[in-house]
Amino acid sequence: MAHFQEMMRQQLENSMYTELQKMLDTTTGPEREVAKKDFEGFKNLFHRFLQVKGPSVEWIKIQRPPEDSIQPYDKVAARGLPDSVANSLNKLVVVKLNGGLGTSMGCKGPKSLISVRNENTFLDLTVQQIEHLNKTYNTDVPLVLMNSFNTDEDTKKILQKYTHHRVKIHTFNQSRYPRINKESLLPVATSLMMTGQNAEGWYPPGHGDIYASFYNSGLLDQLIAQGKEYIFVSNIDNLGATVDLHILHHLVSQPNGKRCEFIMEVTDKTRADVKGGTLIQYEGKLRLLEIAQVPKPNVDEFKSVSKFKIFNTNNLWISLAAIKRLQEQKAMDMEIIVNPKTLDGGQNVIQLETAVGAAIKCFDNALGINVPRSRFLPVKTTSDLLLVMSNLYSLEAGCLTMSPKREFPTTPHVKLGSSFTKVQEYLTRFESIPDMLELDHLTVSGDVTFGKNVSVKGTVIIIANHGDRIDIPAGSMLENKIVSGNLRILDH
C-alpha cells in the first residue's frame, strides 16, 4: 500500500513538473528567469504538500513556552536606551508587507493606498513615521515594500510622490505561484500570461514567501553590504506597528554568543483574537501554532483565552545575516497552509501558502516579547477604520496614539453591518465621525446614517429593520441606548 501511494505521489509530482515546464516554454528572457525561480519555490512546497499526513503538530507534544522565552515589554523597556540611538537605527530596515488588495473593503488597487486618517493613506503614514525617525536622529532607515503582482504597478506609480522625503524606498516582488485544481492537482493556468481567464490561475503565496523572494531579488545582499543588520517586518495595515527603539536596542545589544536572530511581538488575547496564532514550545524550539494546524478535536482548546493567553501580532524583528544563511542552507522550514478558494467560474482550487512567523523555529535564540495592545491596530474592515478615524486617536508624525482623554486603554468593540462594508458607502453614512471617547460597544445594522457631531457612549445598538431607515440627527448624544425600527430610542 505504502509503495502504491509513493508511486501515485511520484506520478502527481511528475505531471505537475511537466505542466510547469510547458508554461516556462511559452516565454523567454527575464520573465522566464523570474518564473523559473518562483517555480523552484513552488515545487518544494508542492513536494512537501504531497508528503504531509494529517496535522503538522501532535497535540500531546505541545508545551507552554519557558518563562524567559516570552519577555514582558516593560522588562525590555526598563533597560533604557543607549546614548546613541542613531547607531542602532542605522542597522535597521523597515519592511512592510504590501501584497494585499483593498477588495474586502470594496476598493480597487493596493490596500495601502486607502485613506485612513486626514486624507493620509497607510503608505503615507508609514513614510511619515520613518522620515520623522531619520530627521530626529539624523539616520538613514530605509523602507522596503514587499509587493505582489497585484499591487506592484500601482504602488510604484505612487512612490514618485515621496521623492523629496527623507526616506529611501525600495521594492521587491513576492513570488507568483500557480493555483492548483482541487480535483486533478494540476495548475489551472495554461501559460504565464496574466490576462483573461488565465489571470485567475495565479496567486501570491502568503507572507512566508518574504525570505525567498527578498533573497532572490538581490536586495537582501545589497542591504547587508550597506551595513544593515535587522529588518522590522509588519503588515502595512497595522497602524500600531511603528519602530520601537527599546526592542531595537534589546536586539542590537545582545552579547555575540547569544545574538537573538528573531523577535516576535505577541500581545494578550481578548475574545476578539481567539483565532490568532500563538507561541508554543515544541520539540525544544519556540514555534508558531496557527489555527489551521490544530487537529479538529482541539480547536476549542486552542481558542481558550486561559490556556493560550497571547497571539502573534505579525510584528517581527529578524536578522538579515540569518535569513541569508538559512536561505543558502535551504534550512527555512515553514508549515504549509492549504487555502481553498472558488474561482469566479465555480472551479475549486487550492493555494499553498506559508506564514512569515512560522520560520521562528529556524532561527537561533528566538524570543517573544509581550507588547502593549496599542502595537496591534490592524485595519481589516470599515469597523476598524471608524476607530482610527475617530477622536479616540491623535495623529503625530504618522503615528496614532490613543487620546489621554479616554479613561481606559482598551479599544471599543465596533460592529458595522453590511451596509457599511465598502469604504465609499461607509463614508457617505457619516457626515462626521462620532465622538467615541466614552464608547464601550457600538453595533449598527441596516440603513443607518449619522448627522454631524453625534456622540456615542457606553453601549449603543442601532438596528434599522429591512425597508426602514434611521437617520441619527446632528448633535445627538446616545448613551447606553438601543435604537430600532424607524428611530425609536430606548434606554439600555
Protein backbone atom coordinates (compact mmCIF):
# COMPACT_ATOMS: atom_id res chain seq x y z
CA MET A 1 0.00 0.00 0.00
CA ALA A 2 2.77 2.43 1.00
CA HIS A 3 4.61 1.59 -2.21
CA PHE A 4 1.46 2.31 -4.28
CA GLN A 5 0.96 5.67 -2.51
CA GLU A 6 4.56 6.60 -3.18
CA MET A 7 4.10 5.78 -6.88
CA MET A 8 0.95 7.93 -7.02
CA ARG A 9 2.78 10.82 -5.36
CA GLN A 10 5.65 10.49 -7.80
CA GLN A 11 3.23 10.48 -10.72
CA LEU A 12 1.42 13.61 -9.49
CA GLU A 13 4.71 15.40 -8.97
CA ASN A 14 5.94 14.48 -12.46
CA SER A 15 2.66 15.65 -14.05
CA MET A 16 2.91 18.97 -12.17
CA TYR A 17 6.55 19.47 -13.28
CA THR A 18 5.65 18.73 -16.90
CA GLU A 19 2.89 21.37 -16.83
CA LEU A 20 5.20 23.95 -15.23
CA GLN A 21 7.86 23.28 -17.87
CA LYS A 22 5.27 23.75 -20.64
CA MET A 23 4.39 27.15 -19.18
CA LEU A 24 8.05 28.16 -18.96
CA ASP A 25 8.50 27.25 -22.60
CA THR A 26 5.85 29.81 -23.59
CA THR A 27 8.21 32.70 -22.80
CA THR A 28 11.85 33.81 -22.91
CA GLY A 29 14.13 36.39 -21.35
CA PRO A 30 13.83 37.96 -17.88
CA GLU A 31 10.21 36.87 -17.39
CA ARG A 32 11.24 33.25 -17.85
CA GLU A 33 14.09 33.62 -15.33
CA VAL A 34 11.78 35.13 -12.69
CA ALA A 35 9.15 32.42 -13.27
CA LYS A 36 11.84 29.73 -13.08
CA LYS A 37 12.93 30.94 -9.62
CA ASP A 38 9.31 31.17 -8.48
CA PHE A 39 8.63 27.62 -9.70
CA GLU A 40 11.61 26.26 -7.76
CA GLY A 41 10.00 27.52 -4.55
CA PHE A 42 6.60 26.23 -5.63
CA LYS A 43 7.96 22.75 -6.48
CA ASN A 44 9.46 22.49 -3.00
CA LEU A 45 6.11 23.47 -1.44
CA PHE A 46 4.14 21.09 -3.68
CA HIS A 47 6.53 18.22 -2.89
CA ARG A 48 6.05 18.80 0.84
CA PHE A 49 2.29 19.17 0.41
CA LEU A 50 2.10 15.69 -1.14
CA GLN A 51 4.13 14.23 1.76
CA VAL A 52 2.00 15.71 4.55
CA LYS A 53 -0.04 13.22 6.52
CA GLY A 54 -2.53 14.72 8.97
CA PRO A 55 -1.96 17.75 11.22
CA SER A 56 1.60 19.05 11.45
CA VAL A 57 1.62 19.01 15.26
CA GLU A 58 0.95 16.25 17.75
CA TRP A 59 -1.24 17.92 20.35
CA ILE A 60 0.23 15.83 23.14
CA LYS A 61 3.75 17.22 22.47
CA ILE A 62 2.73 20.86 22.84
CA GLN A 63 4.23 22.60 25.85
CA ARG A 64 3.97 26.09 27.25
CA PRO A 65 6.95 28.23 26.28
CA PRO A 66 9.59 28.53 29.05
CA GLU A 67 9.22 31.65 31.22
CA ASP A 68 12.21 33.51 29.78
CA SER A 69 11.29 32.84 26.13
CA ILE A 70 8.47 35.41 26.17
CA GLN A 71 9.56 38.59 27.91
CA PRO A 72 7.24 41.33 29.12
CA TYR A 73 7.73 44.57 27.21
CA ASP A 74 8.16 46.52 30.47
CA LYS A 75 11.25 44.46 31.30
CA VAL A 76 12.77 45.22 27.87
CA ALA A 77 11.91 48.93 28.15
CA ALA A 78 13.33 49.11 31.69
CA ARG A 79 16.83 48.68 30.25
CA GLY A 80 16.54 52.23 28.94
CA LEU A 81 18.08 53.49 25.71
CA PRO A 82 21.75 53.96 24.82
CA ASP A 83 23.31 57.41 24.39
CA SER A 84 23.42 56.87 20.67
CA VAL A 85 20.09 55.65 19.35
CA ALA A 86 21.35 56.52 15.85
CA ASN A 87 23.86 53.63 15.84
CA SER A 88 21.09 51.10 16.34
CA LEU A 89 18.74 52.79 13.86
CA ASN A 90 21.39 52.77 11.14
CA LYS A 91 21.42 48.96 11.35
CA LEU A 92 17.67 48.76 10.75
CA VAL A 93 15.47 48.36 7.67
CA VAL A 94 11.67 48.69 7.88
CA VAL A 95 9.82 46.15 5.70
CA LYS A 96 6.08 46.42 5.08
CA LEU A 97 4.03 43.57 3.65
CA ASN A 98 2.23 45.30 0.79
CA GLY A 99 0.83 42.44 -1.27
CA GLY A 100 -2.85 42.85 -0.37
CA LEU A 101 -5.67 44.47 -2.29
CA GLY A 102 -8.45 46.52 -0.71
CA THR A 103 -11.16 44.24 -2.13
CA SER A 104 -12.61 43.22 1.25
CA MET A 105 -13.35 46.92 1.85
CA GLY A 106 -14.75 47.41 -1.65
CA CYS A 107 -11.67 49.21 -3.00
CA LYS A 108 -9.76 48.60 -6.19
CA GLY A 109 -5.95 48.52 -6.12
CA PRO A 110 -3.47 48.14 -3.24
CA LYS A 111 -4.92 48.31 0.25
CA SER A 112 -2.01 50.55 1.29
CA LEU A 113 -3.47 53.36 -0.85
CA ILE A 114 -6.76 53.60 1.09
CA SER A 115 -7.11 56.88 3.05
CA VAL A 116 -7.29 56.16 6.75
CA ARG A 117 -6.82 59.45 8.52
CA ASN A 118 -6.96 63.10 7.36
CA GLU A 119 -6.56 62.01 3.71
CA ASN A 120 -3.41 60.06 4.62
CA THR A 121 -3.09 56.52 3.28
CA PHE A 122 -1.42 53.60 5.08
CA LEU A 123 1.63 54.24 2.90
CA ASP A 124 1.67 57.99 3.69
CA LEU A 125 1.63 57.28 7.42
CA THR A 126 4.45 54.73 7.10
CA VAL A 127 6.64 57.19 5.15
CA GLN A 128 5.90 59.96 7.69
CA GLN A 129 6.92 57.71 10.60
CA ILE A 130 10.26 56.73 9.08
CA GLU A 131 11.00 60.24 7.84
CA HIS A 132 10.40 61.53 11.38
CA LEU A 133 12.91 58.97 12.75
CA ASN A 134 15.51 59.87 10.13
CA LYS A 135 15.16 63.60 10.81
CA THR A 136 15.07 63.30 14.60
CA TYR A 137 18.14 61.07 14.91
CA ASN A 138 19.91 62.04 11.68
CA THR A 139 19.79 58.44 10.44
CA ASP A 140 19.16 56.53 7.23
CA VAL A 141 16.45 53.95 7.89
CA PRO A 142 15.17 52.72 4.50
CA LEU A 143 11.66 51.48 3.77
CA VAL A 144 11.22 48.26 1.80
CA LEU A 145 7.84 47.25 0.39
CA MET A 146 7.15 43.63 -0.44
CA ASN A 147 4.64 43.97 -3.28
CA SER A 148 2.76 41.25 -5.12
CA PHE A 149 1.91 41.13 -8.82
CA ASN A 150 -1.47 42.58 -7.74
CA THR A 151 -0.02 45.71 -6.14
CA ASP A 152 3.38 46.34 -7.75
CA GLU A 153 2.41 48.57 -10.65
CA ASP A 154 0.02 50.86 -8.73
CA THR A 155 2.43 51.15 -5.79
CA LYS A 156 5.40 52.08 -7.99
CA LYS A 157 3.37 54.84 -9.66
CA ILE A 158 2.53 56.40 -6.31
CA LEU A 159 6.11 56.19 -4.96
CA GLN A 160 7.10 59.15 -7.13
CA LYS A 161 5.30 61.46 -4.72
CA TYR A 162 7.84 60.61 -1.98
CA THR A 163 10.99 61.51 -3.94
CA HIS A 164 11.63 64.59 -1.78
CA HIS A 165 11.01 62.82 1.52
CA ARG A 166 13.91 61.78 3.68
CA VAL A 167 13.35 58.06 3.17
CA LYS A 168 14.94 55.70 0.67
CA ILE A 169 12.24 53.38 -0.63
CA HIS A 170 12.97 50.00 -2.22
CA THR A 171 10.51 47.42 -3.51
CA PHE A 172 10.69 43.76 -4.41
CA ASN A 173 8.02 41.37 -5.57
CA GLN A 174 6.88 38.26 -3.81
CA SER A 175 6.62 35.12 -5.90
CA ARG A 176 3.80 34.24 -8.27
CA TYR A 177 2.59 30.67 -7.78
CA PRO A 178 0.06 28.67 -9.81
CA ARG A 179 -3.31 27.84 -8.28
CA ILE A 180 -3.97 24.10 -8.24
CA ASN A 181 -7.14 22.41 -9.44
CA LYS A 182 -8.54 20.66 -6.35
CA GLU A 183 -9.51 17.51 -8.26
CA SER A 184 -6.61 16.94 -10.67
CA LEU A 185 -3.90 18.65 -8.53
CA LEU A 186 -2.58 20.32 -11.70
CA PRO A 187 -2.20 24.05 -12.45
CA VAL A 188 -5.29 25.95 -13.55
CA ALA A 189 -3.27 28.34 -15.74
CA THR A 190 -2.07 27.24 -19.16
CA SER A 191 0.55 29.95 -19.75
CA LEU A 192 2.43 32.63 -17.81
CA MET A 193 0.12 35.33 -19.18
CA MET A 194 -1.85 37.39 -16.66
CA THR A 195 -4.78 38.09 -18.98
CA GLY A 196 -8.28 36.71 -19.45
CA GLN A 197 -9.21 33.54 -17.60
CA ASN A 198 -5.54 32.80 -17.10
CA ALA A 199 -5.22 35.71 -14.64
CA GLU A 200 -7.24 33.74 -12.09
CA GLY A 201 -4.68 30.96 -12.24
CA TRP A 202 -2.07 32.79 -10.13
CA TYR A 203 -1.71 33.93 -6.53
CA PRO A 204 0.93 35.47 -4.20
CA PRO A 205 1.81 32.66 -1.75
CA GLY A 206 1.36 34.30 1.66
CA HIS A 207 3.91 36.39 3.56
CA GLY A 208 6.12 33.40 4.42
CA ASP A 209 7.44 33.88 0.89
CA ILE A 210 9.33 37.01 2.07
CA TYR A 211 12.53 35.08 2.84
CA ALA A 212 12.98 33.52 -0.60
CA SER A 213 11.78 36.48 -2.66
CA PHE A 214 13.83 39.02 -0.63
CA TYR A 215 16.91 36.84 -1.13
CA ASN A 216 16.20 36.18 -4.83
CA SER A 217 15.66 39.89 -5.54
CA GLY A 218 19.28 40.69 -4.61
CA LEU A 219 18.05 43.41 -2.22
CA LEU A 220 18.96 41.37 0.86
CA ASP A 221 22.64 41.25 -0.16
CA GLN A 222 22.57 44.93 -1.11
CA LEU A 223 21.31 45.93 2.37
CA ILE A 224 23.82 43.69 4.16
CA ALA A 225 26.58 45.34 2.11
CA GLN A 226 25.33 48.72 3.40
CA GLY A 227 25.83 47.55 7.00
CA LYS A 228 22.17 46.80 7.74
CA GLU A 229 21.65 44.01 10.30
CA TYR A 230 17.95 43.71 11.13
CA ILE A 231 14.60 44.12 9.47
CA PHE A 232 11.41 45.11 11.25
CA VAL A 233 8.58 43.41 9.33
CA SER A 234 4.87 44.14 9.74
CA ASN A 235 1.61 44.30 7.82
CA ILE A 236 1.12 47.70 6.19
CA ASP A 237 -2.46 47.80 7.53
CA ASN A 238 -1.32 47.50 11.18
CA LEU A 239 -1.19 51.14 12.26
CA GLY A 240 0.30 50.19 15.64
CA ALA A 241 3.43 48.69 14.08
CA THR A 242 5.87 51.58 14.48
CA VAL A 243 9.62 51.27 15.07
CA ASP A 244 10.12 50.63 18.78
CA LEU A 245 13.52 51.85 19.98
CA HIS A 246 13.51 49.66 23.11
CA ILE A 247 13.00 46.43 21.16
CA LEU A 248 15.64 47.50 18.65
CA HIS A 249 18.11 48.25 21.44
CA HIS A 250 17.37 44.86 23.04
CA LEU A 251 18.24 43.16 19.75
CA VAL A 252 21.38 45.08 18.95
CA SER A 253 22.83 44.91 22.45
CA GLN A 254 22.80 41.13 22.94
CA PRO A 255 26.24 39.59 23.62
CA ASN A 256 27.61 37.95 20.46
CA GLY A 257 27.27 34.33 21.53
CA LYS A 258 23.59 34.87 22.44
CA ARG A 259 22.65 37.02 19.46
CA CYS A 260 18.90 36.92 19.11
CA GLU A 261 18.01 36.38 15.44
CA PHE A 262 14.24 36.66 15.64
CA ILE A 263 11.79 38.53 17.86
CA MET A 264 8.05 38.07 17.54
CA GLU A 265 5.85 40.68 19.17
CA VAL A 266 2.91 38.99 20.84
CA THR A 267 0.11 40.56 22.85
CA ASP A 268 -2.59 39.35 25.23
CA LYS A 269 -5.60 37.69 23.62
CA THR A 270 -9.07 39.09 24.03
CA ARG A 271 -12.26 37.35 22.92
CA ALA A 272 -11.83 39.04 19.53
CA ASP A 273 -8.48 37.35 18.88
CA VAL A 274 -9.27 33.69 19.53
CA LYS A 275 -8.18 32.67 16.04
CA GLY A 276 -4.76 34.38 16.16
CA GLY A 277 -1.61 32.21 16.01
CA THR A 278 0.16 31.62 19.33
CA LEU A 279 3.64 30.68 20.54
CA ILE A 280 4.29 27.20 21.92
CA GLN A 281 7.31 25.13 22.87
CA TYR A 282 7.54 22.11 20.57
CA GLU A 283 10.38 19.61 20.43
CA GLY A 284 12.63 22.04 22.31
CA LYS A 285 12.01 25.01 19.99
CA LEU A 286 9.80 28.08 20.14
CA ARG A 287 7.18 27.63 17.45
CA LEU A 288 4.17 29.45 16.00
CA LEU A 289 0.94 27.47 16.14
CA GLU A 290 -1.78 28.62 13.73
CA ILE A 291 -5.42 27.59 13.95
CA ALA A 292 -5.11 25.79 10.58
CA GLN A 293 -2.59 23.36 12.14
CA VAL A 294 -4.75 22.44 15.10
CA PRO A 295 -6.42 18.99 14.99
CA LYS A 296 -10.24 19.38 14.84
CA PRO A 297 -10.94 18.00 18.36
CA ASN A 298 -8.55 20.57 19.91
CA VAL A 299 -9.81 23.74 18.21
CA ASP A 300 -11.88 24.88 21.22
CA GLU A 301 -8.89 24.38 23.49
CA PHE A 302 -6.74 26.43 21.08
CA LYS A 303 -9.29 29.27 21.21
CA SER A 304 -9.30 29.28 25.01
CA VAL A 305 -8.03 32.57 26.40
CA SER A 306 -6.87 30.86 29.59
CA LYS A 307 -4.60 28.21 28.04
CA PHE A 308 -3.16 30.21 25.14
CA LYS A 309 -3.01 33.73 26.52
CA ILE A 310 -1.12 35.50 23.73
CA PHE A 311 -1.24 35.80 19.95
CA ASN A 312 1.16 36.85 17.20
CA THR A 313 0.81 40.47 16.04
CA ASN A 314 2.97 39.73 12.96
CA ASN A 315 5.38 42.50 14.04
CA LEU A 316 8.72 40.70 13.62
CA TRP A 317 12.37 41.69 14.06
CA ILE A 318 14.69 39.43 12.06
CA SER A 319 18.44 39.21 11.44
CA LEU A 320 19.39 39.76 7.79
CA ALA A 321 22.54 37.60 8.07
CA ALA A 322 20.43 34.76 9.49
CA ILE A 323 17.93 34.97 6.60
CA LYS A 324 20.84 34.77 4.15
CA ARG A 325 22.35 31.78 5.99
CA LEU A 326 19.07 29.86 6.18
CA GLN A 327 18.24 30.54 2.52
CA GLU A 328 21.66 29.36 1.38
CA GLN A 329 21.46 26.23 3.54
CA LYS A 330 17.87 25.63 2.32
CA ALA A 331 17.01 25.34 6.01
CA MET A 332 13.95 27.60 6.08
CA ASP A 333 11.13 25.34 7.18
CA MET A 334 7.58 26.64 7.44
CA GLU A 335 4.35 24.68 7.78
CA ILE A 336 2.16 24.65 4.69
CA ILE A 337 -1.19 26.41 4.87
CA VAL A 338 -3.66 24.93 2.38
CA ASN A 339 -6.07 27.69 1.42
CA PRO A 340 -9.16 26.52 -0.55
CA LYS A 341 -10.73 29.04 -2.96
CA THR A 342 -13.54 29.03 -5.51
CA LEU A 343 -12.85 30.88 -8.76
CA ASP A 344 -15.45 33.10 -10.45
CA GLY A 345 -16.45 30.27 -12.76
CA GLY A 346 -17.14 28.00 -9.79
CA GLN A 347 -13.95 25.94 -10.09
CA ASN A 348 -12.50 24.73 -6.75
CA VAL A 349 -8.78 25.37 -6.35
CA ILE A 350 -6.20 25.27 -3.59
CA GLN A 351 -3.41 27.70 -2.81
CA LEU A 352 -0.31 26.54 -0.93
CA GLU A 353 0.87 29.30 1.40
CA THR A 354 3.25 29.86 4.32
CA ALA A 355 3.32 32.44 7.15
CA VAL A 356 6.36 34.62 7.86
CA GLY A 357 6.20 33.96 11.63
CA ALA A 358 6.26 30.17 11.16
CA ALA A 359 10.01 30.38 10.47
CA ILE A 360 10.68 31.35 14.10
CA LYS A 361 11.78 27.79 14.88
CA CYS A 362 14.64 28.00 12.34
CA PHE A 363 16.38 30.98 13.98
CA ASP A 364 18.81 30.97 16.92
CA ASN A 365 17.81 32.38 20.33
CA ALA A 366 14.35 33.38 19.08
CA LEU A 367 12.27 35.36 21.54
CA GLY A 368 8.72 36.56 22.05
CA ILE A 369 8.09 40.00 23.57
CA ASN A 370 4.65 40.59 25.07
CA VAL A 371 3.90 44.13 23.88
CA PRO A 372 1.06 46.52 24.77
CA ARG A 373 -2.11 46.10 22.74
CA SER A 374 -1.50 49.53 21.18
CA ARG A 375 1.11 47.91 18.89
CA PHE A 376 -1.64 45.88 17.24
CA LEU A 377 -4.07 48.20 15.44
CA PRO A 378 -4.96 46.49 12.17
CA VAL A 379 -7.50 47.97 9.79
CA LYS A 380 -9.20 44.99 8.13
CA THR A 381 -12.75 46.34 7.93
CA THR A 382 -14.64 49.63 7.96
CA SER A 383 -15.42 48.94 11.65
CA ASP A 384 -11.65 49.20 12.30
CA LEU A 385 -11.49 52.25 10.05
CA LEU A 386 -14.14 54.02 12.13
CA LEU A 387 -11.99 53.58 15.25
CA VAL A 388 -8.80 55.00 13.70
CA MET A 389 -10.65 57.95 12.10
CA SER A 390 -12.30 58.89 15.40
CA ASN A 391 -11.21 61.12 18.27
CA LEU A 392 -10.01 58.03 20.15
CA TYR A 393 -6.68 58.62 18.42
CA SER A 394 -4.50 61.59 17.70
CA LEU A 395 -2.03 61.64 14.83
CA GLU A 396 1.53 62.89 15.14
CA ALA A 397 4.43 62.20 12.74
CA GLY A 398 2.49 59.35 11.15
CA CYS A 399 1.84 57.62 14.50
CA LEU A 400 -1.60 57.13 16.00
CA THR A 401 -1.77 57.30 19.78
CA MET A 402 -4.81 56.79 21.95
CA SER A 403 -6.21 60.00 23.37
CA PRO A 404 -5.24 60.66 27.01
CA LYS A 405 -8.88 61.74 27.46
CA ARG A 406 -10.02 58.13 27.20
CA GLU A 407 -10.24 56.77 30.71
CA PHE A 408 -9.44 53.12 29.92
CA PRO A 409 -6.84 51.88 27.46
CA THR A 410 -8.98 49.22 25.74
CA THR A 411 -10.41 49.86 22.29
CA PRO A 412 -14.21 49.89 21.98
CA HIS A 413 -15.85 46.97 20.19
CA VAL A 414 -17.40 48.22 16.93
CA LYS A 415 -19.56 46.14 14.58
CA LEU A 416 -20.89 47.82 11.47
CA GLY A 417 -23.39 45.90 9.32
CA SER A 418 -23.22 45.04 5.62
CA SER A 419 -24.46 48.49 4.52
CA PHE A 420 -21.08 49.83 5.72
CA THR A 421 -18.75 47.19 4.23
CA LYS A 422 -17.49 49.25 1.30
CA VAL A 423 -15.40 52.31 2.10
CA GLN A 424 -17.26 54.56 -0.35
CA GLU A 425 -20.65 53.63 1.13
CA TYR A 426 -19.33 53.84 4.71
CA LEU A 427 -18.08 57.40 4.11
CA THR A 428 -21.47 58.60 2.82
CA ARG A 429 -23.17 57.36 6.00
CA PHE A 430 -21.23 59.67 8.34
CA GLU A 431 -21.48 63.43 7.99
CA SER A 432 -18.72 63.49 10.58
CA ILE A 433 -17.16 60.72 12.65
CA PRO A 434 -18.97 60.44 16.03
CA ASP A 435 -17.28 61.28 19.33
CA MET A 436 -16.30 57.84 20.69
CA LEU A 437 -14.15 58.73 23.70
CA GLU A 438 -16.52 57.08 26.17
CA LEU A 439 -17.73 54.24 23.96
CA ASP A 440 -17.56 50.56 25.01
CA HIS A 441 -19.60 48.88 22.30
CA LEU A 442 -21.29 50.01 19.09
CA THR A 443 -23.39 47.80 16.80
CA VAL A 444 -25.02 49.28 13.70
CA SER A 445 -27.15 47.27 11.29
CA GLY A 446 -29.27 48.20 8.28
CA ASP A 447 -29.81 51.54 6.54
CA VAL A 448 -28.45 53.99 9.12
CA THR A 449 -26.86 57.43 8.67
CA PHE A 450 -25.20 59.74 11.20
CA GLY A 451 -25.53 63.53 11.21
CA LYS A 452 -22.73 65.88 12.29
CA ASN A 453 -21.35 65.93 15.85
CA VAL A 454 -23.07 62.81 17.16
CA SER A 455 -21.56 61.29 20.30
CA VAL A 456 -21.88 57.66 21.40
CA LYS A 457 -21.15 56.46 24.94
CA GLY A 458 -21.30 53.14 26.79
CA THR A 459 -23.17 50.50 24.75
CA VAL A 460 -25.10 51.73 21.72
CA ILE A 461 -27.06 49.43 19.39
CA ILE A 462 -28.74 50.84 16.27
CA ILE A 463 -30.82 48.47 14.14
CA ALA A 464 -32.86 49.59 11.13
CA ASN A 465 -35.28 46.86 10.11
CA HIS A 466 -35.46 45.77 6.50
CA GLY A 467 -37.06 48.56 4.45
CA ASP A 468 -36.69 51.11 7.27
CA ARG A 469 -34.11 53.86 7.51
CA ILE A 470 -32.73 55.51 10.62
CA ASP A 471 -31.09 58.96 10.49
CA ILE A 472 -29.33 59.85 13.72
CA PRO A 473 -29.90 63.62 13.97
CA ALA A 474 -26.95 66.03 14.12
CA GLY A 475 -25.77 66.76 17.64
CA SER A 476 -27.41 63.64 19.17
CA MET A 477 -25.86 62.11 22.26
CA LEU A 478 -26.57 58.38 22.60
CA GLU A 479 -25.53 56.79 25.88
CA ASN A 480 -26.43 53.13 26.61
CA LYS A 481 -29.21 53.25 24.01
CA ILE A 482 -30.92 50.81 21.71
CA VAL A 483 -32.33 52.47 18.58
CA SER A 484 -34.56 50.33 16.40
CA GLY A 485 -37.32 50.41 13.78
CA ASN A 486 -37.94 53.88 12.48
CA LEU A 487 -35.94 55.72 15.14
CA ARG A 488 -37.34 54.71 18.49
CA ILE A 489 -34.76 55.43 21.12
CA LEU A 490 -34.81 53.13 24.14
CA ASP A 491 -32.67 53.27 27.25
CA HIS A 492 -30.38 50.27 27.52
